[in-house]
Every structure is written in structure tokens, then in C-alpha cells.
PDB file of all heavy atoms in Angstrom:
ATOM      1  N   PRO A   1       7.158   8.521   8.223  1.00  0.00           N
ATOM      2  CA  PRO A   1       6.060   8.053   7.429  1.00  0.00           C
ATOM      3  C   PRO A   1       6.475   6.749   6.707  1.00  0.00           C
ATOM      4  O   PRO A   1       5.564   6.139   6.094  1.00  0.00           O
ATOM      5  CB  PRO A   1       5.838   9.184   6.442  1.00  0.00           C
ATOM      6  CG  PRO A   1       7.152   9.855   6.359  1.00  0.00           C
ATOM      7  CD  PRO A   1       7.754   9.757   7.698  1.00  0.00           C
ATOM      8  N   TYR A   2       7.658   6.382   6.751  1.00  0.00           N
ATOM      9  CA  TYR A   2       8.087   5.118   6.019  1.00  0.00           C
ATOM     10  C   TYR A   2       7.946   3.875   6.853  1.00  0.00           C
ATOM     11  O   TYR A   2       8.137   2.795   6.352  1.00  0.00           O
ATOM     12  CB  TYR A   2       9.572   5.241   5.596  1.00  0.00           C
ATOM     13  CG  TYR A   2       9.839   6.588   4.979  1.00  0.00           C
ATOM     14  CD1 TYR A   2      10.789   7.431   5.490  1.00  0.00           C
ATOM     15  CD2 TYR A   2       9.149   6.977   3.792  1.00  0.00           C
ATOM     16  CE1 TYR A   2      11.055   8.629   4.926  1.00  0.00           C
ATOM     17  CE2 TYR A   2       9.420   8.177   3.205  1.00  0.00           C
ATOM     18  CZ  TYR A   2      10.350   9.029   3.785  1.00  0.00           C
ATOM     19  OH  TYR A   2      10.647  10.218   3.220  1.00  0.00           O
ATOM     20  N   VAL A   3       7.607   4.005   8.129  1.00  0.00           N
ATOM     21  CA  VAL A   3       7.631   2.802   8.972  1.00  0.00           C
ATOM     22  C   VAL A   3       6.248   2.651   9.615  1.00  0.00           C
ATOM     23  O   VAL A   3       5.627   3.591  10.114  1.00  0.00           O
ATOM     24  CB  VAL A   3       8.665   2.949  10.110  1.00  0.00           C
ATOM     25  CG1 VAL A   3       8.715   1.730  10.935  1.00  0.00           C
ATOM     26  CG2 VAL A   3      10.097   3.152   9.510  1.00  0.00           C
ATOM     27  N   SER A   4       5.729   1.442   9.529  1.00  0.00           N
ATOM     28  CA  SER A   4       4.439   1.198  10.198  1.00  0.00           C
ATOM     29  C   SER A   4       4.365  -0.310  10.367  1.00  0.00           C
ATOM     30  O   SER A   4       5.034  -1.125   9.749  1.00  0.00           O
ATOM     31  CB  SER A   4       3.307   1.648   9.293  1.00  0.00           C
ATOM     32  OG  SER A   4       2.090   1.157   9.839  1.00  0.00           O
ATOM     33  N   THR A   5       3.533  -0.660  11.320  1.00  0.00           N
ATOM     34  CA  THR A   5       3.379  -2.069  11.625  1.00  0.00           C
ATOM     35  C   THR A   5       1.957  -2.553  11.239  1.00  0.00           C
ATOM     36  O   THR A   5       1.544  -3.600  11.595  1.00  0.00           O
ATOM     37  CB  THR A   5       3.597  -2.284  13.107  1.00  0.00           C
ATOM     38  OG1 THR A   5       2.670  -1.480  13.891  1.00  0.00           O
ATOM     39  CG2 THR A   5       4.995  -2.041  13.486  1.00  0.00           C
ATOM     40  N   SER A   6       1.273  -1.648  10.498  1.00  0.00           N
ATOM     41  CA  SER A   6      -0.171  -1.962  10.183  1.00  0.00           C
ATOM     42  C   SER A   6      -0.249  -2.911   8.972  1.00  0.00           C
ATOM     43  O   SER A   6       0.168  -2.594   7.853  1.00  0.00           O
ATOM     44  CB  SER A   6      -0.954  -0.699   9.856  1.00  0.00           C
ATOM     45  OG  SER A   6      -2.214  -1.045   9.357  1.00  0.00           O
ATOM     46  N   SER A   7      -0.816  -4.121   9.197  1.00  0.00           N
ATOM     47  CA  SER A   7      -1.027  -5.014   8.091  1.00  0.00           C
ATOM     48  C   SER A   7      -2.074  -4.566   7.132  1.00  0.00           C
ATOM     49  O   SER A   7      -2.058  -4.890   5.970  1.00  0.00           O
ATOM     50  CB  SER A   7      -1.345  -6.419   8.623  1.00  0.00           C
ATOM     51  OG  SER A   7      -2.530  -6.356   9.405  1.00  0.00           O
ATOM     52  N   ASP A   8      -3.099  -3.845   7.709  1.00  0.00           N
ATOM     53  CA  ASP A   8      -4.135  -3.312   6.882  1.00  0.00           C
ATOM     54  C   ASP A   8      -3.636  -2.344   5.822  1.00  0.00           C
ATOM     55  O   ASP A   8      -3.999  -2.325   4.678  1.00  0.00           O
ATOM     56  CB  ASP A   8      -5.234  -2.598   7.694  1.00  0.00           C
ATOM     57  CG  ASP A   8      -6.031  -3.573   8.528  1.00  0.00           C
ATOM     58  OD1 ASP A   8      -6.039  -4.767   8.168  1.00  0.00           O
ATOM     59  OD2 ASP A   8      -6.645  -3.139   9.514  1.00  0.00           O
ATOM     60  N   ALA A   9      -2.674  -1.524   6.275  1.00  0.00           N
ATOM     61  CA  ALA A   9      -2.087  -0.558   5.312  1.00  0.00           C
ATOM     62  C   ALA A   9      -1.354  -1.259   4.269  1.00  0.00           C
ATOM     63  O   ALA A   9      -1.386  -0.860   3.051  1.00  0.00           O
ATOM     64  CB  ALA A   9      -1.099   0.383   6.158  1.00  0.00           C
ATOM     65  N   LYS A  10      -0.601  -2.315   4.601  1.00  0.00           N
ATOM     66  CA  LYS A  10       0.116  -3.032   3.555  1.00  0.00           C
ATOM     67  C   LYS A  10      -0.903  -3.612   2.531  1.00  0.00           C
ATOM     68  O   LYS A  10      -0.663  -3.671   1.362  1.00  0.00           O
ATOM     69  CB  LYS A  10       0.931  -4.158   4.221  1.00  0.00           C
ATOM     70  CG  LYS A  10       2.056  -3.642   5.043  1.00  0.00           C
ATOM     71  CD  LYS A  10       2.802  -4.798   5.658  1.00  0.00           C
ATOM     72  CE  LYS A  10       4.028  -4.344   6.501  1.00  0.00           C
ATOM     73  NZ  LYS A  10       4.732  -5.453   7.149  1.00  0.00           N
ATOM     74  N   ALA A  11      -1.972  -4.133   3.070  1.00  0.00           N
ATOM     75  CA  ALA A  11      -2.971  -4.730   2.166  1.00  0.00           C
ATOM     76  C   ALA A  11      -3.570  -3.730   1.271  1.00  0.00           C
ATOM     77  O   ALA A  11      -3.806  -3.976  -0.003  1.00  0.00           O
ATOM     78  CB  ALA A  11      -4.069  -5.383   3.009  1.00  0.00           C
ATOM     79  N   PHE A  12      -3.774  -2.460   1.779  1.00  0.00           N
ATOM     80  CA  PHE A  12      -4.348  -1.416   0.939  1.00  0.00           C
ATOM     81  C   PHE A  12      -3.410  -1.058  -0.186  1.00  0.00           C
ATOM     82  O   PHE A  12      -3.869  -0.939  -1.371  1.00  0.00           O
ATOM     83  CB  PHE A  12      -4.605  -0.183   1.804  1.00  0.00           C
ATOM     84  CG  PHE A  12      -5.137   0.976   1.074  1.00  0.00           C
ATOM     85  CD1 PHE A  12      -6.432   1.058   0.689  1.00  0.00           C
ATOM     86  CD2 PHE A  12      -4.301   2.052   0.712  1.00  0.00           C
ATOM     87  CE1 PHE A  12      -6.937   2.147  -0.013  1.00  0.00           C
ATOM     88  CE2 PHE A  12      -4.741   3.124   0.041  1.00  0.00           C
ATOM     89  CZ  PHE A  12      -6.122   3.220  -0.316  1.00  0.00           C
ATOM     90  N   VAL A  13      -2.202  -0.884   0.128  1.00  0.00           N
ATOM     91  CA  VAL A  13      -1.170  -0.520  -0.936  1.00  0.00           C
ATOM     92  C   VAL A  13      -1.060  -1.621  -1.934  1.00  0.00           C
ATOM     93  O   VAL A  13      -0.967  -1.428  -3.140  1.00  0.00           O
ATOM     94  CB  VAL A  13       0.172  -0.150  -0.291  1.00  0.00           C
ATOM     95  CG1 VAL A  13       1.211   0.007  -1.373  1.00  0.00           C
ATOM     96  CG2 VAL A  13       0.104   1.029   0.548  1.00  0.00           C
ATOM     97  N   SER A  14      -1.049  -2.891  -1.440  1.00  0.00           N
ATOM     98  CA  SER A  14      -0.928  -4.038  -2.369  1.00  0.00           C
ATOM     99  C   SER A  14      -2.133  -4.058  -3.316  1.00  0.00           C
ATOM    100  O   SER A  14      -1.975  -4.391  -4.491  1.00  0.00           O
ATOM    101  CB  SER A  14      -0.890  -5.318  -1.540  1.00  0.00           C
ATOM    102  OG  SER A  14      -0.849  -6.428  -2.388  1.00  0.00           O
ATOM    103  N   ALA A  15      -3.313  -3.746  -2.786  1.00  0.00           N
ATOM    104  CA  ALA A  15      -4.478  -3.712  -3.652  1.00  0.00           C
ATOM    105  C   ALA A  15      -4.388  -2.667  -4.757  1.00  0.00           C
ATOM    106  O   ALA A  15      -4.761  -2.832  -5.878  1.00  0.00           O
ATOM    107  CB  ALA A  15      -5.738  -3.495  -2.831  1.00  0.00           C
ATOM    108  N   LEU A  16      -3.899  -1.478  -4.329  1.00  0.00           N
ATOM    109  CA  LEU A  16      -3.775  -0.360  -5.320  1.00  0.00           C
ATOM    110  C   LEU A  16      -2.823  -0.744  -6.394  1.00  0.00           C
ATOM    111  O   LEU A  16      -2.957  -0.375  -7.556  1.00  0.00           O
ATOM    112  CB  LEU A  16      -3.274   0.949  -4.589  1.00  0.00           C
ATOM    113  CG  LEU A  16      -4.299   1.721  -3.762  1.00  0.00           C
ATOM    114  CD1 LEU A  16      -3.629   2.916  -3.144  1.00  0.00           C
ATOM    115  CD2 LEU A  16      -5.403   2.201  -4.749  1.00  0.00           C
ATOM    116  N   ASP A  17      -1.806  -1.488  -6.046  1.00  0.00           N
ATOM    117  CA  ASP A  17      -0.754  -1.845  -7.044  1.00  0.00           C
ATOM    118  C   ASP A  17      -1.366  -2.648  -8.218  1.00  0.00           C
ATOM    119  O   ASP A  17      -0.767  -2.714  -9.291  1.00  0.00           O
ATOM    120  CB  ASP A  17       0.373  -2.615  -6.369  1.00  0.00           C
ATOM    121  CG  ASP A  17       1.253  -1.766  -5.487  1.00  0.00           C
ATOM    122  OD1 ASP A  17       1.135  -0.531  -5.639  1.00  0.00           O
ATOM    123  OD2 ASP A  17       2.023  -2.294  -4.707  1.00  0.00           O
ATOM    124  N   GLN A  18      -2.514  -3.288  -7.952  1.00  0.00           N
ATOM    125  CA  GLN A  18      -3.043  -4.170  -8.956  1.00  0.00           C
ATOM    126  C   GLN A  18      -3.871  -3.470 -10.025  1.00  0.00           C
ATOM    127  O   GLN A  18      -4.253  -4.044 -11.034  1.00  0.00           O
ATOM    128  CB  GLN A  18      -3.866  -5.253  -8.300  1.00  0.00           C
ATOM    129  CG  GLN A  18      -3.187  -6.028  -7.157  1.00  0.00           C
ATOM    130  CD  GLN A  18      -1.904  -6.653  -7.685  1.00  0.00           C
ATOM    131  OE1 GLN A  18      -1.860  -7.302  -8.734  1.00  0.00           O
ATOM    132  NE2 GLN A  18      -0.785  -6.466  -6.908  1.00  0.00           N
ATOM    133  N   VAL A  19      -4.215  -2.170  -9.741  1.00  0.00           N
ATOM    134  CA  VAL A  19      -5.234  -1.514 -10.631  1.00  0.00           C
ATOM    135  C   VAL A  19      -4.712  -0.421 -11.533  1.00  0.00           C
ATOM    136  O   VAL A  19      -5.425   0.198 -12.216  1.00  0.00           O
ATOM    137  CB  VAL A  19      -6.387  -0.985  -9.805  1.00  0.00           C
ATOM    138  CG1 VAL A  19      -7.143  -2.113  -9.076  1.00  0.00           C
ATOM    139  CG2 VAL A  19      -5.878   0.029  -8.771  1.00  0.00           C
ATOM    140  N   GLY A  20      -3.400  -0.203 -11.513  1.00  0.00           N
ATOM    141  CA  GLY A  20      -2.894   0.918 -12.360  1.00  0.00           C
ATOM    142  C   GLY A  20      -1.444   1.271 -11.963  1.00  0.00           C
ATOM    143  O   GLY A  20      -0.711   0.465 -11.316  1.00  0.00           O
ATOM    144  N   ILE A  21      -1.106   2.491 -12.368  1.00  0.00           N
ATOM    145  CA  ILE A  21       0.236   3.021 -12.102  1.00  0.00           C
ATOM    146  C   ILE A  21       0.136   3.739 -10.784  1.00  0.00           C
ATOM    147  O   ILE A  21      -0.557   4.769 -10.700  1.00  0.00           O
ATOM    148  CB  ILE A  21       0.649   3.954 -13.243  1.00  0.00           C
ATOM    149  CG1 ILE A  21       0.600   3.182 -14.626  1.00  0.00           C
ATOM    150  CG2 ILE A  21       2.046   4.528 -12.985  1.00  0.00           C
ATOM    151  CD1 ILE A  21       0.710   4.135 -15.786  1.00  0.00           C
ATOM    152  N   VAL A  22       0.832   3.273  -9.760  1.00  0.00           N
ATOM    153  CA  VAL A  22       0.655   3.829  -8.430  1.00  0.00           C
ATOM    154  C   VAL A  22       2.016   4.277  -7.893  1.00  0.00           C
ATOM    155  O   VAL A  22       3.049   3.545  -8.032  1.00  0.00           O
ATOM    156  CB  VAL A  22       0.020   2.734  -7.452  1.00  0.00           C
ATOM    157  CG1 VAL A  22      -0.075   3.351  -6.056  1.00  0.00           C
ATOM    158  CG2 VAL A  22      -1.314   2.341  -8.012  1.00  0.00           C
ATOM    159  N   SER A  23       2.025   5.454  -7.285  1.00  0.00           N
ATOM    160  CA  SER A  23       3.183   5.885  -6.533  1.00  0.00           C
ATOM    161  C   SER A  23       2.734   6.691  -5.358  1.00  0.00           C
ATOM    162  O   SER A  23       1.629   7.236  -5.343  1.00  0.00           O
ATOM    163  CB  SER A  23       4.078   6.758  -7.391  1.00  0.00           C
ATOM    164  OG  SER A  23       3.431   7.914  -7.793  1.00  0.00           O
ATOM    165  N   ILE A  24       3.573   6.714  -4.267  1.00  0.00           N
ATOM    166  CA  ILE A  24       3.231   7.430  -3.038  1.00  0.00           C
ATOM    167  C   ILE A  24       4.454   8.276  -2.733  1.00  0.00           C
ATOM    168  O   ILE A  24       5.619   7.819  -2.768  1.00  0.00           O
ATOM    169  CB  ILE A  24       2.882   6.486  -1.850  1.00  0.00           C
ATOM    170  CG1 ILE A  24       1.694   5.621  -2.293  1.00  0.00           C
ATOM    171  CG2 ILE A  24       2.568   7.276  -0.651  1.00  0.00           C
ATOM    172  CD1 ILE A  24       1.308   4.550  -1.198  1.00  0.00           C
TER     173      ILE A  24
END
């Protein structure tokens, strides 16, 4: 689960980081 090549997924996580306290 730690490895992916999806740029969309990276963008999603990056967006979440901007709106609060986030952990996965």
C-alpha cells in the first residue's frame, strides 16, 4: 500500500494536507 505510480493519488493527498490535520 505504500507504493503507487498514480499522480492523481498524490494530488489528492496533497490537497487533503492543506485543509487540516491529516494522517493515513
